[in-house]
Amino acid sequence: DPTLAKVPKRLQTFANALAKFDANVNVSFGAGKDGALVNIMLEKNKTRLIGLRRLLMERYPGPTRHVSILKVDVEGAEYDVLRDAYRMCADGELTIDQLLVELHAGLAIKSGNRLEYTVRDLHDAFAGADACNLMLHHKERNGWGCDGYACVEFSWVSVRHARRTMLHAWRGVL
């Protein structure tokens, strides 16, 4: 999230929380349509976006990669990120256990050329999940942002991960 650098206290809180999981925050780029230049959060300077495919291939080289949890909250560029993920899954380059995405409808900060997201964009976000063998398991309206209705958090889980989790839970009960 390249906007976090402008809010040092919030950035430090987030960085401290991630450090507990041996993870870190990167504020040097935004995810979206690879190579696009956009104004994020009404910033004067444009931010260059990086596509998910390039990000994953640079960070995790090799023919395939597995992501346990992919959380996408990129203020409107999620449709571009999802297209990359779904293509990688379809090409056998990526598997995902859980996909958590905030989807926007209507106006949002974007990496594409259109001014608004349409029902077609929402349809594609759901239809593409099948390429990653993902099924929807949770949704919740984002009541804090997006005027309380224009974005929704959706969670998908892979069938393989759901079965593995269920079997693990049942073994503990039996």
Protein backbone atom coordinates (compact mmCIF):
# COMPACT_ATOMS: atom_id res chain seq x y z
CA ASP A 1 0.00 0.00 0.00
CA PRO A 2 1.97 3.01 -1.21
CA THR A 3 -0.32 5.38 0.72
CA LEU A 4 0.78 4.07 4.14
CA ALA A 5 4.09 5.96 4.05
CA LYS A 6 2.11 9.19 4.43
CA VAL A 7 0.69 7.97 7.77
CA PRO A 8 3.78 6.96 9.80
CA LYS A 9 1.95 5.96 13.00
CA ARG A 10 -0.47 3.71 11.11
CA LEU A 11 2.40 2.26 9.08
CA GLN A 12 4.40 1.45 12.22
CA THR A 13 1.40 -0.21 13.88
CA PHE A 14 0.85 -2.34 10.77
CA ALA A 15 4.57 -3.17 10.48
CA ASN A 16 4.71 -4.24 14.15
CA ALA A 17 1.71 -6.54 13.71
CA LEU A 18 3.24 -8.15 10.60
CA ALA A 19 6.61 -8.64 12.30
CA LYS A 20 4.94 -11.04 14.76
CA PHE A 21 4.32 -13.32 11.75
CA ASP A 22 7.82 -12.84 10.32
CA ALA A 23 6.33 -10.71 7.53
CA ASN A 24 6.83 -7.14 6.44
CA VAL A 25 5.01 -4.33 4.71
CA ASN A 26 6.16 -2.87 1.40
CA VAL A 27 5.10 0.71 0.74
CA SER A 28 7.07 1.19 -2.46
CA PHE A 29 4.46 -0.01 -4.96
CA GLY A 30 0.79 -0.60 -5.53
CA ALA A 31 -0.70 -3.71 -7.11
CA GLY A 32 -2.91 -3.49 -10.18
CA LYS A 33 -2.54 -3.40 -13.94
CA ASP A 34 1.14 -3.99 -14.60
CA GLY A 35 2.94 -0.77 -15.54
CA ALA A 36 -0.06 1.53 -15.14
CA LEU A 37 0.49 4.99 -13.67
CA VAL A 38 -2.35 6.17 -11.42
CA ASN A 39 -3.13 8.81 -8.86
CA ILE A 40 -3.86 7.00 -5.61
CA MET A 41 -5.94 8.59 -2.87
CA LEU A 42 -5.91 11.98 -4.63
CA GLU A 43 -2.08 12.12 -4.53
CA LYS A 44 -0.44 14.66 -6.87
CA ASN A 45 2.29 12.25 -7.97
CA LYS A 46 1.39 9.14 -9.90
CA THR A 47 2.22 5.69 -8.58
CA ARG A 48 3.43 2.95 -10.92
CA LEU A 49 1.52 -0.27 -10.35
CA ILE A 50 2.88 -3.79 -10.56
CA GLY A 51 0.83 -6.75 -11.75
CA LEU A 52 0.35 -9.75 -9.50
CA ARG A 53 1.91 -12.08 -12.08
CA ARG A 54 5.13 -10.06 -12.23
CA LEU A 55 5.22 -9.56 -8.46
CA LEU A 56 4.87 -13.28 -7.71
CA MET A 57 7.24 -14.40 -10.47
CA GLU A 58 9.94 -11.95 -9.33
CA ARG A 59 9.60 -12.81 -5.64
CA TYR A 60 9.05 -16.56 -6.06
CA PRO A 61 10.81 -17.71 -9.23
CA GLY A 62 10.14 -21.11 -10.73
CA PRO A 63 7.42 -22.77 -12.77
CA THR A 64 4.80 -22.83 -9.98
CA ARG A 65 3.99 -21.05 -6.75
CA HIS A 66 1.54 -21.66 -3.91
CA VAL A 67 -0.07 -18.90 -1.83
CA SER A 68 -1.74 -19.86 1.44
CA ILE A 69 -3.65 -16.59 1.83
CA LEU A 70 -3.93 -13.88 -0.82
CA LYS A 71 -5.52 -10.74 0.64
CA VAL A 72 -6.40 -8.14 -2.00
CA ASP A 73 -7.46 -4.66 -0.84
CA VAL A 74 -6.15 -2.38 -3.56
CA GLU A 75 -8.89 0.24 -3.83
CA GLY A 76 -10.34 -0.61 -7.19
CA ALA A 77 -7.39 -2.32 -8.88
CA GLU A 78 -8.62 -5.69 -7.60
CA TYR A 79 -10.14 -6.63 -10.94
CA ASP A 80 -6.72 -6.39 -12.61
CA VAL A 81 -5.09 -8.34 -9.76
CA LEU A 82 -7.76 -11.04 -9.97
CA ARG A 83 -7.34 -11.37 -13.75
CA ASP A 84 -3.62 -12.03 -13.20
CA ALA A 85 -4.31 -14.58 -10.45
CA TYR A 86 -6.97 -16.41 -12.45
CA ARG A 87 -4.74 -16.59 -15.55
CA MET A 88 -1.89 -17.98 -13.47
CA CYS A 89 -4.17 -20.61 -11.95
CA ALA A 90 -5.53 -21.58 -15.37
CA ASP A 91 -1.95 -21.88 -16.67
CA GLY A 92 -0.95 -24.12 -13.74
CA GLU A 93 1.46 -21.50 -12.35
CA LEU A 94 -0.41 -20.71 -9.13
CA THR A 95 -2.48 -22.41 -6.45
CA ILE A 96 -4.27 -20.49 -3.68
CA ASP A 97 -5.73 -21.83 -0.42
CA GLN A 98 -7.71 -18.71 0.51
CA LEU A 99 -8.51 -15.59 -1.49
CA LEU A 100 -9.82 -12.57 0.43
CA VAL A 101 -10.85 -9.60 -1.71
CA GLU A 102 -12.54 -6.25 -1.20
CA LEU A 103 -14.55 -5.72 -4.40
CA HIS A 104 -15.72 -2.25 -5.38
CA ALA A 105 -18.79 -1.38 -7.40
CA GLY A 106 -19.27 1.94 -9.13
CA LEU A 107 -16.54 4.55 -8.79
CA ALA A 108 -13.24 3.60 -7.19
CA ILE A 109 -9.55 4.27 -7.49
CA LYS A 110 -8.60 2.19 -10.51
CA SER A 111 -5.78 0.99 -12.59
CA GLY A 112 -7.84 0.54 -15.73
CA ASN A 113 -9.16 3.09 -18.20
CA ARG A 114 -12.85 3.03 -17.32
CA LEU A 115 -14.48 5.35 -14.81
CA GLU A 116 -16.75 2.81 -13.16
CA TYR A 117 -16.94 -0.87 -12.42
CA THR A 118 -19.90 -2.71 -13.87
CA VAL A 119 -21.88 -5.85 -13.14
CA ARG A 120 -19.71 -7.52 -15.82
CA ASP A 121 -16.60 -6.84 -13.68
CA LEU A 122 -18.29 -8.40 -10.65
CA HIS A 123 -19.40 -11.38 -12.73
CA ASP A 124 -15.86 -11.92 -14.02
CA ALA A 125 -14.47 -11.78 -10.47
CA PHE A 126 -16.74 -14.61 -9.41
CA ALA A 127 -16.56 -16.65 -12.62
CA GLY A 128 -12.76 -16.53 -12.66
CA ALA A 129 -12.49 -18.05 -9.19
CA ASP A 130 -13.27 -21.41 -10.77
CA ALA A 131 -9.89 -21.32 -12.58
CA CYS A 132 -8.27 -21.45 -9.13
CA ASN A 133 -10.69 -24.14 -7.91
CA LEU A 134 -12.08 -21.68 -5.36
CA MET A 135 -15.53 -21.60 -3.81
CA LEU A 136 -17.14 -18.67 -2.01
CA HIS A 137 -17.46 -19.22 1.72
CA HIS A 138 -17.99 -15.75 3.25
CA LYS A 139 -19.02 -12.20 2.43
CA GLU A 140 -19.51 -9.04 4.41
CA ARG A 141 -20.37 -5.46 3.52
CA ASN A 142 -17.67 -2.94 4.32
CA GLY A 143 -19.57 -0.61 6.62
CA TRP A 144 -16.53 1.57 7.38
CA GLY A 145 -15.66 2.71 3.90
CA CYS A 146 -17.21 3.05 0.47
CA ASP A 147 -20.19 4.91 1.88
CA GLY A 148 -21.16 1.70 3.67
CA TYR A 149 -22.40 -0.10 0.57
CA ALA A 150 -20.14 0.31 -2.49
CA CYS A 151 -17.58 -2.34 -1.53
CA VAL A 152 -17.92 -5.83 -0.11
CA GLU A 153 -15.35 -8.25 1.33
CA PHE A 154 -15.56 -11.69 -0.28
CA SER A 155 -13.67 -14.80 0.82
CA TRP A 156 -13.05 -17.87 -1.30
CA VAL A 157 -11.40 -21.11 -0.25
CA SER A 158 -9.94 -23.86 -2.39
CA VAL A 159 -11.77 -27.16 -2.28
CA ARG A 160 -8.47 -28.88 -1.44
CA HIS A 161 -7.82 -26.58 1.53
CA ALA A 162 -11.42 -26.86 2.79
CA ARG A 163 -11.20 -30.66 2.75
CA ARG A 164 -7.80 -30.66 4.44
CA THR A 165 -9.06 -28.29 7.17
CA MET A 166 -12.27 -30.26 7.67
CA LEU A 167 -10.40 -33.59 7.98
CA HIS A 168 -7.94 -32.05 10.44
CA ALA A 169 -10.83 -30.71 12.55
CA TRP A 170 -12.65 -34.05 12.50
CA ARG A 171 -9.53 -35.93 13.57
CA GLY A 172 -9.39 -33.72 16.64
CA VAL A 173 -13.03 -34.52 17.49
CA LEU A 174 -12.94 -38.27 16.91
